[in-house]
Amino acid sequence: MLDKRVLVTGATGRIGMVVVDDLLDRGYRVRATTSREAATKDGREGLEWRVADFAGECDFPSLVNGCDAVIHLAAELGNKQKMQRVNVEATRGLAEAAEQGGIAAFCYASSVSVYGSGRSIEIDERSAVLTHDRDEPSEYWALDYVREYGRTKLRGELELRKAARSTRYIILRPAVVVSIAQMIGIRDWNPIKRVLAAHRHAHHVYVWDVSDALIWFMQQALDGAYAPGQVEVYNLAEDDCATRRHIDFMRRAYSINRDPRYRPIAVHWAADWLHDFLRFRTLPIRNPLWRMRFSNDRLKASGYRFRYGMEKAVDQALAQLRREFDETRQV
């Protein structure tokens, strides 16, 4: 077993549950934080649970004590009133504790939402980001809580830069993280959304690839690939995969089971763009998320390659649909 203990915050979240399993499978010891007392009953070997409330008082030095690395996933996505505390202040507290505790590697899951609605369609790590200290609705065609999420995740990044002295920091900005179930779940969208959004670029990145990337960069930092206090940022996206749009997946799914919910009907992209423009009524003209493309050139230049890739994930989702269809035929 590897003699490394990793603190994973937000361990009961969509990404966190996968990261914990992935680390344990690879032989790491894990200290996992959760706000759910029931989760602490999971007593797998090598797994230690800590109940932590990042929206309240939290003993960050105790959390990092005895750990070699931190994978910080905990975040507030929906409650605007908690975002500053969870996404910014708790990130600062954890980074300061990591510096004081001699933590070698700190991986932070940010988001492509920090870019808002770009003036350019092509987005890389040098592209403009949101104004972090005030709400500028024209910068992001999104609901107010989504804009707040993007700004607070960006402020979390800035807190890491302020704290950086001896710990090595890797900031990953994932696109739309999905599991197999979430890919299949497009059939549960309401009919209007399925038609209006079918043409959209999905920006999907497989949750197990997100976990793999976090662990890969963490181990790189532990192995000394970065200088103490260095902060590196990477888009974590696979916008160049073959099944890019929702309708691409729908067509393949419909060919398997003829489920009418996957029937590939789409309006022209201009109608969707106009819908967003009228909805948010903002100038100057910018690009909604679905029109943007997130470059992963810097990710590839680092030496990282997706372990699974979206096409393999799509194949798994279609295989599951095929099994479901075969089972219904046998009934």
C-alpha atoms as a PDB file:
ATOM      1  CA  MET A   1       0.000   0.000   0.000  1.00  0.00           C
ATOM      2  CA  LEU A   2       1.231   3.518  -0.794  1.00  0.00           C
ATOM      3  CA  ASP A   3       2.323   5.344   2.345  1.00  0.00           C
ATOM      4  CA  LYS A   4       0.383   8.478   1.422  1.00  0.00           C
ATOM      5  CA  ARG A   5      -2.723   9.949   3.021  1.00  0.00           C
ATOM      6  CA  VAL A   6      -4.912  12.263   0.964  1.00  0.00           C
ATOM      7  CA  LEU A   7      -7.518  14.653   2.347  1.00  0.00           C
ATOM      8  CA  VAL A   8     -10.577  14.692   0.071  1.00  0.00           C
ATOM      9  CA  THR A   9     -13.128  17.405   0.804  1.00  0.00           C
ATOM     10  CA  GLY A  10     -16.678  17.084  -0.482  1.00  0.00           C
ATOM     11  CA  ALA A  11     -16.226  13.314  -0.495  1.00  0.00           C
ATOM     12  CA  THR A  12     -19.938  12.531  -0.756  1.00  0.00           C
ATOM     13  CA  GLY A  13     -20.450  14.706  -3.825  1.00  0.00           C
ATOM     14  CA  ARG A  14     -20.712  13.562  -7.435  1.00  0.00           C
ATOM     15  CA  ILE A  15     -16.969  13.746  -8.047  1.00  0.00           C
ATOM     16  CA  GLY A  16     -15.899  13.104  -4.469  1.00  0.00           C
ATOM     17  CA  MET A  17     -17.414   9.632  -4.218  1.00  0.00           C
ATOM     18  CA  VAL A  18     -15.531   8.566  -7.342  1.00  0.00           C
ATOM     19  CA  VAL A  19     -12.252  10.138  -6.178  1.00  0.00           C
ATOM     20  CA  VAL A  20     -12.436   8.327  -2.829  1.00  0.00           C
ATOM     21  CA  ASP A  21     -13.044   4.973  -4.538  1.00  0.00           C
ATOM     22  CA  ASP A  22     -10.290   5.681  -7.068  1.00  0.00           C
ATOM     23  CA  LEU A  23      -7.727   6.590  -4.407  1.00  0.00           C
ATOM     24  CA  LEU A  24      -8.534   3.550  -2.278  1.00  0.00           C
ATOM     25  CA  ASP A  25      -8.308   1.262  -5.310  1.00  0.00           C
ATOM     26  CA  ARG A  26      -4.827   2.637  -6.010  1.00  0.00           C
ATOM     27  CA  GLY A  27      -3.653   2.011  -2.454  1.00  0.00           C
ATOM     28  CA  TYR A  28      -3.782   5.518  -0.997  1.00  0.00           C
ATOM     29  CA  ARG A  29      -5.137   6.193   2.466  1.00  0.00           C
ATOM     30  CA  VAL A  30      -7.990   8.691   2.468  1.00  0.00           C
ATOM     31  CA  ARG A  31      -9.300  11.184   4.993  1.00  0.00           C
ATOM     32  CA  ALA A  32     -12.696  12.192   3.636  1.00  0.00           C
ATOM     33  CA  THR A  33     -14.846  15.111   4.753  1.00  0.00           C
ATOM     34  CA  THR A  34     -18.619  15.162   4.682  1.00  0.00           C
ATOM     35  CA  SER A  35     -21.470  17.131   6.192  1.00  0.00           C
ATOM     36  CA  ARG A  36     -23.536  13.934   6.348  1.00  0.00           C
ATOM     37  CA  GLU A  37     -23.091  11.964   9.547  1.00  0.00           C
ATOM     38  CA  ALA A  38     -24.475   8.805   7.924  1.00  0.00           C
ATOM     39  CA  ALA A  39     -21.576   8.649   5.479  1.00  0.00           C
ATOM     40  CA  THR A  40     -19.106   8.073   8.304  1.00  0.00           C
ATOM     41  CA  LYS A  41     -20.468   4.540   8.747  1.00  0.00           C
ATOM     42  CA  ASP A  42     -18.487   3.529   5.648  1.00  0.00           C
ATOM     43  CA  GLY A  43     -15.634   1.705   7.348  1.00  0.00           C
ATOM     44  CA  ARG A  44     -13.523   0.539   4.412  1.00  0.00           C
ATOM     45  CA  GLU A  45      -9.874  -0.136   5.117  1.00  0.00           C
ATOM     46  CA  GLY A  46      -7.742   2.955   4.589  1.00  0.00           C
ATOM     47  CA  LEU A  47     -10.739   5.317   4.810  1.00  0.00           C
ATOM     48  CA  GLU A  48     -11.178   7.809   7.652  1.00  0.00           C
ATOM     49  CA  TRP A  49     -14.205  10.104   7.798  1.00  0.00           C
ATOM     50  CA  ARG A  50     -14.384  13.584   9.288  1.00  0.00           C
ATOM     51  CA  VAL A  51     -17.606  15.592   9.610  1.00  0.00           C
ATOM     52  CA  ALA A  52     -16.869  19.160   8.513  1.00  0.00           C
ATOM     53  CA  ASP A  53     -19.143  22.145   7.968  1.00  0.00           C
ATOM     54  CA  PHE A  54     -17.401  24.455   5.517  1.00  0.00           C
ATOM     55  CA  ALA A  55     -20.272  26.919   5.788  1.00  0.00           C
ATOM     56  CA  GLY A  56     -19.667  27.257   9.535  1.00  0.00           C
ATOM     57  CA  GLU A  57     -16.717  26.832  11.860  1.00  0.00           C
ATOM     58  CA  CYS A  58     -14.079  24.362  10.725  1.00  0.00           C
ATOM     59  CA  ASP A  59     -10.748  23.234  12.189  1.00  0.00           C
ATOM     60  CA  PHE A  60      -8.680  23.212   9.016  1.00  0.00           C
ATOM     61  CA  PRO A  61      -5.316  22.421  10.690  1.00  0.00           C
ATOM     62  CA  SER A  62      -6.855  19.285  12.189  1.00  0.00           C
ATOM     63  CA  LEU A  63      -8.184  18.218   8.798  1.00  0.00           C
ATOM     64  CA  VAL A  64      -4.802  18.437   7.047  1.00  0.00           C
ATOM     65  CA  ASN A  65      -2.714  17.131   9.952  1.00  0.00           C
ATOM     66  CA  GLY A  66      -0.964  13.922   8.939  1.00  0.00           C
ATOM     67  CA  CYS A  67      -1.895  14.220   5.265  1.00  0.00           C
ATOM     68  CA  ASP A  68       0.482  14.419   2.320  1.00  0.00           C
ATOM     69  CA  ALA A  69      -1.917  15.980  -0.189  1.00  0.00           C
ATOM     70  CA  VAL A  70      -5.282  17.694  -0.479  1.00  0.00           C
ATOM     71  CA  ILE A  71      -7.923  17.243  -3.168  1.00  0.00           C
ATOM     72  CA  HIS A  72     -10.388  20.065  -2.535  1.00  0.00           C
ATOM     73  CA  LEU A  73     -13.784  19.359  -4.070  1.00  0.00           C
ATOM     74  CA  ALA A  74     -16.206  20.779  -1.498  1.00  0.00           C
ATOM     75  CA  ALA A  75     -18.277  23.593  -2.979  1.00  0.00           C
ATOM     76  CA  GLU A  76     -21.628  25.323  -2.691  1.00  0.00           C
ATOM     77  CA  LEU A  77     -23.439  25.255  -6.033  1.00  0.00           C
ATOM     78  CA  GLY A  78     -26.940  26.542  -5.337  1.00  0.00           C
ATOM     79  CA  ASN A  79     -27.197  28.683  -2.211  1.00  0.00           C
ATOM     80  CA  LYS A  80     -25.864  32.172  -2.952  1.00  0.00           C
ATOM     81  CA  GLN A  81     -25.703  33.075   0.732  1.00  0.00           C
ATOM     82  CA  LYS A  82     -23.285  30.200   1.439  1.00  0.00           C
ATOM     83  CA  MET A  83     -21.036  30.538  -1.597  1.00  0.00           C
ATOM     84  CA  GLN A  84     -18.679  33.147  -0.181  1.00  0.00           C
ATOM     85  CA  ARG A  85     -18.106  31.134   2.957  1.00  0.00           C
ATOM     86  CA  VAL A  86     -17.759  27.701   1.328  1.00  0.00           C
ATOM     87  CA  ASN A  87     -16.154  28.496  -2.023  1.00  0.00           C
ATOM     88  CA  VAL A  88     -13.868  31.328  -0.940  1.00  0.00           C
ATOM     89  CA  GLU A  89     -13.249  31.548   2.795  1.00  0.00           C
ATOM     90  CA  ALA A  90     -13.053  27.796   3.386  1.00  0.00           C
ATOM     91  CA  THR A  91     -10.694  27.466   0.409  1.00  0.00           C
ATOM     92  CA  ARG A  92      -8.483  30.152   1.931  1.00  0.00           C
ATOM     93  CA  GLY A  93      -8.561  28.458   5.352  1.00  0.00           C
ATOM     94  CA  LEU A  94      -7.699  25.094   3.881  1.00  0.00           C
ATOM     95  CA  ALA A  95      -4.815  26.527   1.830  1.00  0.00           C
ATOM     96  CA  GLU A  96      -3.381  28.352   4.839  1.00  0.00           C
ATOM     97  CA  ALA A  97      -3.585  25.154   6.883  1.00  0.00           C
ATOM     98  CA  ALA A  98      -1.902  23.247   4.060  1.00  0.00           C
ATOM     99  CA  GLU A  99       0.975  25.730   4.016  1.00  0.00           C
ATOM    100  CA  GLN A 100       1.387  25.583   7.782  1.00  0.00           C
ATOM    101  CA  GLY A 101       1.073  21.800   7.814  1.00  0.00           C
ATOM    102  CA  GLY A 102       3.702  21.151   5.167  1.00  0.00           C
ATOM    103  CA  ILE A 103       1.276  19.705   2.611  1.00  0.00           C
ATOM    104  CA  ALA A 104       3.181  19.012  -0.595  1.00  0.00           C
ATOM    105  CA  ALA A 105       0.318  18.956  -3.135  1.00  0.00           C
ATOM    106  CA  PHE A 106      -3.038  20.724  -3.291  1.00  0.00           C
ATOM    107  CA  CYS A 107      -5.477  19.995  -6.154  1.00  0.00           C
ATOM    108  CA  TYR A 108      -8.485  22.277  -6.488  1.00  0.00           C
ATOM    109  CA  ALA A 109     -11.549  21.574  -8.612  1.00  0.00           C
ATOM    110  CA  SER A 110     -12.611  24.919 -10.032  1.00  0.00           C
ATOM    111  CA  SER A 111     -14.935  25.244 -13.055  1.00  0.00           C
ATOM    112  CA  VAL A 112     -15.101  26.549 -16.611  1.00  0.00           C
ATOM    113  CA  SER A 113     -17.833  28.848 -15.261  1.00  0.00           C
ATOM    114  CA  VAL A 114     -15.013  31.234 -14.269  1.00  0.00           C
ATOM    115  CA  TYR A 115     -14.889  32.274 -17.947  1.00  0.00           C
ATOM    116  CA  GLY A 116     -18.534  33.333 -17.995  1.00  0.00           C
ATOM    117  CA  SER A 117     -19.857  33.939 -21.511  1.00  0.00           C
ATOM    118  CA  GLY A 118     -16.794  34.513 -23.625  1.00  0.00           C
ATOM    119  CA  ARG A 119     -16.422  37.133 -26.321  1.00  0.00           C
ATOM    120  CA  SER A 120     -14.531  34.473 -28.223  1.00  0.00           C
ATOM    121  CA  ILE A 121     -15.786  30.970 -28.951  1.00  0.00           C
ATOM    122  CA  GLU A 122     -12.367  29.396 -28.384  1.00  0.00           C
ATOM    123  CA  ILE A 123     -11.393  29.465 -24.712  1.00  0.00           C
ATOM    124  CA  ASP A 124      -8.052  28.553 -23.184  1.00  0.00           C
ATOM    125  CA  GLU A 125      -6.411  29.256 -19.834  1.00  0.00           C
ATOM    126  CA  ARG A 126      -5.291  32.717 -21.004  1.00  0.00           C
ATOM    127  CA  SER A 127      -8.844  33.799 -21.879  1.00  0.00           C
ATOM    128  CA  ALA A 128     -10.585  36.555 -19.948  1.00  0.00           C
ATOM    129  CA  VAL A 129     -12.383  35.529 -16.773  1.00  0.00           C
ATOM    130  CA  LEU A 130     -15.234  37.065 -14.797  1.00  0.00           C
ATOM    131  CA  THR A 131     -14.933  40.211 -12.727  1.00  0.00           C
ATOM    132  CA  HIS A 132     -14.464  38.469  -9.396  1.00  0.00           C
ATOM    133  CA  ASP A 133     -15.411  41.219  -6.939  1.00  0.00           C
ATOM    134  CA  ARG A 134     -18.789  42.318  -8.323  1.00  0.00           C
ATOM    135  CA  ASP A 135     -21.640  40.990 -10.397  1.00  0.00           C
ATOM    136  CA  GLU A 136     -21.486  42.050 -14.046  1.00  0.00           C
ATOM    137  CA  PRO A 137     -24.523  40.348 -15.634  1.00  0.00           C
ATOM    138  CA  SER A 138     -23.320  41.150 -19.159  1.00  0.00           C
ATOM    139  CA  GLU A 139     -20.266  38.919 -18.614  1.00  0.00           C
ATOM    140  CA  TYR A 140     -22.229  35.713 -18.086  1.00  0.00           C
ATOM    141  CA  TRP A 141     -25.515  34.710 -19.704  1.00  0.00           C
ATOM    142  CA  ALA A 142     -26.756  32.792 -16.688  1.00  0.00           C
ATOM    143  CA  LEU A 143     -29.038  33.001 -13.679  1.00  0.00           C
ATOM    144  CA  ASP A 144     -27.758  35.073 -10.777  1.00  0.00           C
ATOM    145  CA  TYR A 145     -26.782  32.111  -8.584  1.00  0.00           C
ATOM    146  CA  VAL A 146     -24.795  30.591 -11.469  1.00  0.00           C
ATOM    147  CA  ARG A 147     -22.916  33.865 -11.944  1.00  0.00           C
ATOM    148  CA  GLU A 148     -22.208  33.935  -8.210  1.00  0.00           C
ATOM    149  CA  TYR A 149     -20.900  30.374  -8.387  1.00  0.00           C
ATOM    150  CA  GLY A 150     -18.499  31.294 -11.182  1.00  0.00           C
ATOM    151  CA  ARG A 151     -17.232  34.367  -9.340  1.00  0.00           C
ATOM    152  CA  THR A 152     -16.727  32.538  -6.035  1.00  0.00           C
ATOM    153  CA  LYS A 153     -14.907  29.646  -7.677  1.00  0.00           C
ATOM    154  CA  LEU A 154     -12.630  32.219  -9.307  1.00  0.00           C
ATOM    155  CA  ARG A 155     -12.086  33.921  -5.957  1.00  0.00           C
ATOM    156  CA  GLY A 156     -11.192  30.501  -4.550  1.00  0.00           C
ATOM    157  CA  GLU A 157      -8.475  30.275  -7.196  1.00  0.00           C
ATOM    158  CA  LEU A 158      -7.203  33.719  -6.206  1.00  0.00           C
ATOM    159  CA  GLU A 159      -7.044  32.677  -2.552  1.00  0.00           C
ATOM    160  CA  LEU A 160      -4.780  29.784  -3.497  1.00  0.00           C
ATOM    161  CA  ARG A 161      -2.465  32.155  -5.354  1.00  0.00           C
ATOM    162  CA  LYS A 162      -2.314  34.447  -2.318  1.00  0.00           C
ATOM    163  CA  ALA A 163      -1.545  31.563   0.035  1.00  0.00           C
ATOM    164  CA  ALA A 164       1.014  29.813  -2.202  1.00  0.00           C
ATOM    165  CA  ARG A 165       4.466  29.610  -0.609  1.00  0.00           C
ATOM    166  CA  SER A 166       5.682  26.034  -0.228  1.00  0.00           C
ATOM    167  CA  THR A 167       2.719  23.905  -1.279  1.00  0.00           C
ATOM    168  CA  ARG A 168       2.334  23.012  -4.974  1.00  0.00           C
ATOM    169  CA  TYR A 169      -1.116  23.916  -6.353  1.00  0.00           C
ATOM    170  CA  ILE A 170      -2.924  22.436  -9.340  1.00  0.00           C
ATOM    171  CA  ILE A 171      -6.188  24.107 -10.383  1.00  0.00           C
ATOM    172  CA  LEU A 172      -8.363  22.079 -12.739  1.00  0.00           C
ATOM    173  CA  ARG A 173     -11.312  23.730 -14.464  1.00  0.00           C
ATOM    174  CA  PRO A 174     -13.652  20.893 -15.458  1.00  0.00           C
ATOM    175  CA  ALA A 175     -16.353  21.334 -18.057  1.00  0.00           C
ATOM    176  CA  VAL A 176     -19.675  19.494 -17.521  1.00  0.00           C
ATOM    177  CA  VAL A 177     -18.858  16.463 -15.386  1.00  0.00           C
ATOM    178  CA  VAL A 178     -21.130  13.485 -16.058  1.00  0.00           C
ATOM    179  CA  SER A 179     -21.603   9.887 -15.041  1.00  0.00           C
ATOM    180  CA  ILE A 180     -23.090   7.154 -17.228  1.00  0.00           C
ATOM    181  CA  ALA A 181     -26.467   7.651 -15.535  1.00  0.00           C
ATOM    182  CA  GLN A 182     -26.426  11.376 -16.275  1.00  0.00           C
ATOM    183  CA  MET A 183     -25.646  10.773 -19.936  1.00  0.00           C
ATOM    184  CA  ILE A 184     -28.585   8.401 -20.231  1.00  0.00           C
ATOM    185  CA  GLY A 185     -30.729  10.835 -18.222  1.00  0.00           C
ATOM    186  CA  ILE A 186     -31.194  13.198 -21.171  1.00  0.00           C
ATOM    187  CA  ARG A 187     -34.337  11.154 -21.843  1.00  0.00           C
ATOM    188  CA  ASP A 188     -35.813  12.566 -18.632  1.00  0.00           C
ATOM    189  CA  TRP A 189     -35.485  16.188 -19.742  1.00  0.00           C
ATOM    190  CA  ASN A 190     -38.755  17.931 -20.475  1.00  0.00           C
ATOM    191  CA  PRO A 191     -39.681  17.780 -24.191  1.00  0.00           C
ATOM    192  CA  ILE A 192     -39.101  21.488 -24.836  1.00  0.00           C
ATOM    193  CA  LYS A 193     -35.611  21.346 -23.368  1.00  0.00           C
ATOM    194  CA  ARG A 194     -34.738  18.246 -25.375  1.00  0.00           C
ATOM    195  CA  VAL A 195     -35.740  19.913 -28.641  1.00  0.00           C
ATOM    196  CA  LEU A 196     -34.264  23.326 -27.893  1.00  0.00           C
ATOM    197  CA  ALA A 197     -30.978  22.026 -26.491  1.00  0.00           C
ATOM    198  CA  ALA A 198     -30.418  19.015 -28.748  1.00  0.00           C
ATOM    199  CA  HIS A 199     -28.009  20.903 -31.023  1.00  0.00           C
ATOM    200  CA  ARG A 200     -25.892  22.158 -28.112  1.00  0.00           C
ATOM    201  CA  HIS A 201     -22.324  21.138 -27.544  1.00  0.00           C
ATOM    202  CA  ALA A 202     -22.560  19.045 -24.370  1.00  0.00           C
ATOM    203  CA  HIS A 203     -19.059  19.842 -22.996  1.00  0.00           C
ATOM    204  CA  HIS A 204     -19.167  16.485 -21.236  1.00  0.00           C
ATOM    205  CA  VAL A 205     -16.162  15.107 -19.404  1.00  0.00           C
ATOM    206  CA  TYR A 206     -16.428  11.697 -17.757  1.00  0.00           C
ATOM    207  CA  VAL A 207     -16.393  11.743 -13.961  1.00  0.00           C
ATOM    208  CA  TRP A 208     -13.825   8.933 -13.788  1.00  0.00           C
ATOM    209  CA  ASP A 209     -11.510  10.957 -16.029  1.00  0.00           C
ATOM    210  CA  VAL A 210     -11.892  13.928 -13.690  1.00  0.00           C
ATOM    211  CA  SER A 211     -10.874  11.699 -10.800  1.00  0.00           C
ATOM    212  CA  ASP A 212      -7.964  10.260 -12.748  1.00  0.00           C
ATOM    213  CA  ALA A 213      -6.703  13.723 -13.696  1.00  0.00           C
ATOM    214  CA  LEU A 214      -6.904  14.988 -10.117  1.00  0.00           C
ATOM    215  CA  ILE A 215      -4.928  12.003  -8.847  1.00  0.00           C
ATOM    216  CA  TRP A 216      -2.408  12.166 -11.700  1.00  0.00           C
ATOM    217  CA  PHE A 217      -1.611  15.832 -11.084  1.00  0.00           C
ATOM    218  CA  MET A 218      -1.537  15.270  -7.332  1.00  0.00           C
ATOM    219  CA  GLN A 219       1.045  12.525  -7.760  1.00  0.00           C
ATOM    220  CA  GLN A 220       3.047  14.672 -10.157  1.00  0.00           C
ATOM    221  CA  ALA A 221       3.221  17.375  -7.499  1.00  0.00           C
ATOM    222  CA  LEU A 222       4.140  14.851  -4.802  1.00  0.00           C
ATOM    223  CA  ASP A 223       6.939  13.615  -7.048  1.00  0.00           C
ATOM    224  CA  GLY A 224       8.340  17.151  -7.295  1.00  0.00           C
ATOM    225  CA  ALA A 225       7.244  17.998 -10.832  1.00  0.00           C
ATOM    226  CA  TYR A 226       6.431  21.560  -9.720  1.00  0.00           C
ATOM    227  CA  ALA A 227       8.350  24.068  -7.655  1.00  0.00           C
ATOM    228  CA  PRO A 228       7.216  24.877  -4.097  1.00  0.00           C
ATOM    229  CA  GLY A 229       4.577  27.603  -4.258  1.00  0.00           C
ATOM    230  CA  GLN A 230       3.914  27.036  -7.959  1.00  0.00           C
ATOM    231  CA  VAL A 231       0.293  27.350  -9.144  1.00  0.00           C
ATOM    232  CA  GLU A 232      -0.752  25.722 -12.419  1.00  0.00           C
ATOM    233  CA  VAL A 233      -4.158  25.943 -14.132  1.00  0.00           C
ATOM    234  CA  TYR A 234      -5.605  23.516 -16.671  1.00  0.00           C
ATOM    235  CA  ASN A 235      -8.921  23.269 -18.480  1.00  0.00           C
ATOM    236  CA  LEU A 236     -10.291  19.765 -18.015  1.00  0.00           C
ATOM    237  CA  ALA A 237     -12.407  19.332 -21.120  1.00  0.00           C
ATOM    238  CA  GLU A 238     -12.792  16.984 -24.058  1.00  0.00           C
ATOM    239  CA  ASP A 239     -14.600  19.195 -26.543  1.00  0.00           C
ATOM    240  CA  ASP A 240     -12.798  17.472 -29.416  1.00  0.00           C
ATOM    241  CA  CYS A 241     -14.498  14.100 -28.837  1.00  0.00           C
ATOM    242  CA  ALA A 242     -16.628  12.613 -31.643  1.00  0.00           C
ATOM    243  CA  THR A 243     -19.950  12.630 -29.765  1.00  0.00           C
ATOM    244  CA  ARG A 244     -19.910  16.342 -29.031  1.00  0.00           C
ATOM    245  CA  ARG A 245     -23.551  17.379 -29.119  1.00  0.00           C
ATOM    246  CA  HIS A 246     -26.566  16.101 -27.248  1.00  0.00           C
ATOM    247  CA  ILE A 247     -28.178  15.167 -30.555  1.00  0.00           C
ATOM    248  CA  ASP A 248     -25.184  12.990 -31.478  1.00  0.00           C
ATOM    249  CA  PHE A 249     -25.824  10.843 -28.414  1.00  0.00           C
ATOM    250  CA  MET A 250     -29.603  10.928 -28.932  1.00  0.00           C
ATOM    251  CA  ARG A 251     -29.296   9.579 -32.469  1.00  0.00           C
ATOM    252  CA  ARG A 252     -27.175   6.655 -31.341  1.00  0.00           C
ATOM    253  CA  ALA A 253     -29.470   5.935 -28.398  1.00  0.00           C
ATOM    254  CA  TYR A 254     -32.591   6.122 -30.571  1.00  0.00           C
ATOM    255  CA  SER A 255     -31.122   3.651 -33.048  1.00  0.00           C
ATOM    256  CA  ILE A 256     -30.796   1.140 -30.219  1.00  0.00           C
ATOM    257  CA  ASN A 257     -34.158   1.275 -28.481  1.00  0.00           C
ATOM    258  CA  ARG A 258     -36.427   3.589 -30.507  1.00  0.00           C
ATOM    259  CA  ASP A 259     -37.321   5.352 -27.277  1.00  0.00           C
ATOM    260  CA  PRO A 260     -39.243   8.449 -28.458  1.00  0.00           C
ATOM    261  CA  ARG A 261     -37.544  10.505 -25.768  1.00  0.00           C
ATOM    262  CA  TYR A 262     -34.334  10.113 -27.749  1.00  0.00           C
ATOM    263  CA  ARG A 263     -35.951  11.046 -31.062  1.00  0.00           C
ATOM    264  CA  PRO A 264     -33.430  13.464 -32.626  1.00  0.00           C
ATOM    265  CA  ILE A 265     -35.401  16.633 -33.260  1.00  0.00           C
ATOM    266  CA  ALA A 266     -33.551  19.920 -33.031  1.00  0.00           C
ATOM    267  CA  VAL A 267     -34.158  23.545 -33.909  1.00  0.00           C
ATOM    268  CA  HIS A 268     -31.524  25.703 -35.578  1.00  0.00           C
ATOM    269  CA  TRP A 269     -28.887  27.004 -33.173  1.00  0.00           C
ATOM    270  CA  ALA A 270     -29.907  30.596 -33.952  1.00  0.00           C
ATOM    271  CA  ALA A 271     -33.286  30.043 -32.287  1.00  0.00           C
ATOM    272  CA  ASP A 272     -31.570  28.861 -29.118  1.00  0.00           C
ATOM    273  CA  TRP A 273     -29.160  31.805 -29.204  1.00  0.00           C
ATOM    274  CA  LEU A 274     -32.070  34.235 -29.627  1.00  0.00           C
ATOM    275  CA  HIS A 275     -33.893  32.532 -26.755  1.00  0.00           C
ATOM    276  CA  ASP A 276     -30.901  33.150 -24.474  1.00  0.00           C
ATOM    277  CA  PHE A 277     -30.480  36.704 -25.708  1.00  0.00           C
ATOM    278  CA  LEU A 278     -34.128  37.563 -24.994  1.00  0.00           C
ATOM    279  CA  ARG A 279     -34.013  35.729 -21.672  1.00  0.00           C
ATOM    280  CA  PHE A 280     -31.028  37.615 -20.290  1.00  0.00           C
ATOM    281  CA  ARG A 281     -31.399  40.848 -22.308  1.00  0.00           C
ATOM    282  CA  THR A 282     -27.808  41.830 -21.954  1.00  0.00           C
ATOM    283  CA  LEU A 283     -25.219  43.618 -24.042  1.00  0.00           C
ATOM    284  CA  PRO A 284     -22.564  43.355 -25.352  1.00  0.00           C
ATOM    285  CA  ILE A 285     -23.177  40.262 -27.436  1.00  0.00           C
ATOM    286  CA  ARG A 286     -21.396  37.245 -26.001  1.00  0.00           C
ATOM    287  CA  ASN A 287     -21.391  33.479 -26.439  1.00  0.00           C
ATOM    288  CA  PRO A 288     -23.534  31.216 -24.280  1.00  0.00           C
ATOM    289  CA  LEU A 289     -21.761  28.213 -22.751  1.00  0.00           C
ATOM    290  CA  TRP A 290     -22.983  25.850 -25.464  1.00  0.00           C
ATOM    291  CA  ARG A 291     -21.313  27.922 -28.207  1.00  0.00           C
ATOM    292  CA  MET A 292     -17.932  28.042 -26.476  1.00  0.00           C
ATOM    293  CA  ARG A 293     -15.151  25.496 -26.923  1.00  0.00           C
ATOM    294  CA  PHE A 294     -12.695  24.799 -24.130  1.00  0.00           C
ATOM    295  CA  SER A 295      -9.186  23.979 -25.279  1.00  0.00           C
ATOM    296  CA  ASN A 296      -7.330  21.135 -23.589  1.00  0.00           C
ATOM    297  CA  ASP A 297      -4.050  21.821 -25.395  1.00  0.00           C
ATOM    298  CA  ARG A 298      -2.317  22.842 -22.180  1.00  0.00           C
ATOM    299  CA  LEU A 299      -3.614  19.712 -20.467  1.00  0.00           C
ATOM    300  CA  LYS A 300      -2.125  17.552 -23.214  1.00  0.00           C
ATOM    301  CA  ALA A 301       1.159  19.494 -23.105  1.00  0.00           C
ATOM    302  CA  SER A 302       1.474  18.574 -19.425  1.00  0.00           C
ATOM    303  CA  GLY A 303       1.686  14.916 -20.429  1.00  0.00           C
ATOM    304  CA  TYR A 304      -1.758  13.950 -19.152  1.00  0.00           C
ATOM    305  CA  ARG A 305      -4.018  11.773 -21.300  1.00  0.00           C
ATOM    306  CA  PHE A 306      -7.584  10.826 -20.474  1.00  0.00           C
ATOM    307  CA  ARG A 307      -7.660   7.351 -18.982  1.00  0.00           C
ATOM    308  CA  TYR A 308     -11.132   6.536 -20.319  1.00  0.00           C
ATOM    309  CA  GLY A 309     -12.311   9.291 -22.655  1.00  0.00           C
ATOM    310  CA  MET A 310     -15.832  10.354 -23.552  1.00  0.00           C
ATOM    311  CA  GLU A 311     -16.169   7.912 -26.443  1.00  0.00           C
ATOM    312  CA  LYS A 312     -15.617   4.951 -24.121  1.00  0.00           C
ATOM    313  CA  ALA A 313     -18.089   6.484 -21.681  1.00  0.00           C
ATOM    314  CA  VAL A 314     -20.615   6.905 -24.504  1.00  0.00           C
ATOM    315  CA  ASP A 315     -20.107   3.267 -25.485  1.00  0.00           C
ATOM    316  CA  GLN A 316     -20.787   2.217 -21.885  1.00  0.00           C
ATOM    317  CA  ALA A 317     -23.962   4.287 -21.778  1.00  0.00           C
ATOM    318  CA  LEU A 318     -25.197   2.821 -25.063  1.00  0.00           C
ATOM    319  CA  ALA A 319     -24.366  -0.692 -23.879  1.00  0.00           C
ATOM    320  CA  GLN A 320     -26.487  -0.101 -20.792  1.00  0.00           C
ATOM    321  CA  LEU A 321     -29.374   1.121 -22.940  1.00  0.00           C
ATOM    322  CA  ARG A 322     -29.012  -1.977 -25.111  1.00  0.00           C
ATOM    323  CA  ARG A 323     -29.191  -4.218 -22.040  1.00  0.00           C
ATOM    324  CA  GLU A 324     -32.288  -2.380 -20.826  1.00  0.00           C
ATOM    325  CA  PHE A 325     -33.916  -2.805 -24.242  1.00  0.00           C
ATOM    326  CA  ASP A 326     -33.088  -6.503 -24.390  1.00  0.00           C
ATOM    327  CA  GLU A 327     -34.513  -7.043 -20.911  1.00  0.00           C
ATOM    328  CA  THR A 328     -37.814  -5.373 -21.825  1.00  0.00           C
ATOM    329  CA  ARG A 329     -38.110  -7.573 -24.915  1.00  0.00           C
ATOM    330  CA  GLN A 330     -37.679 -10.693 -22.787  1.00  0.00           C
ATOM    331  CA  VAL A 331     -40.491  -9.731 -20.407  1.00  0.00           C
END
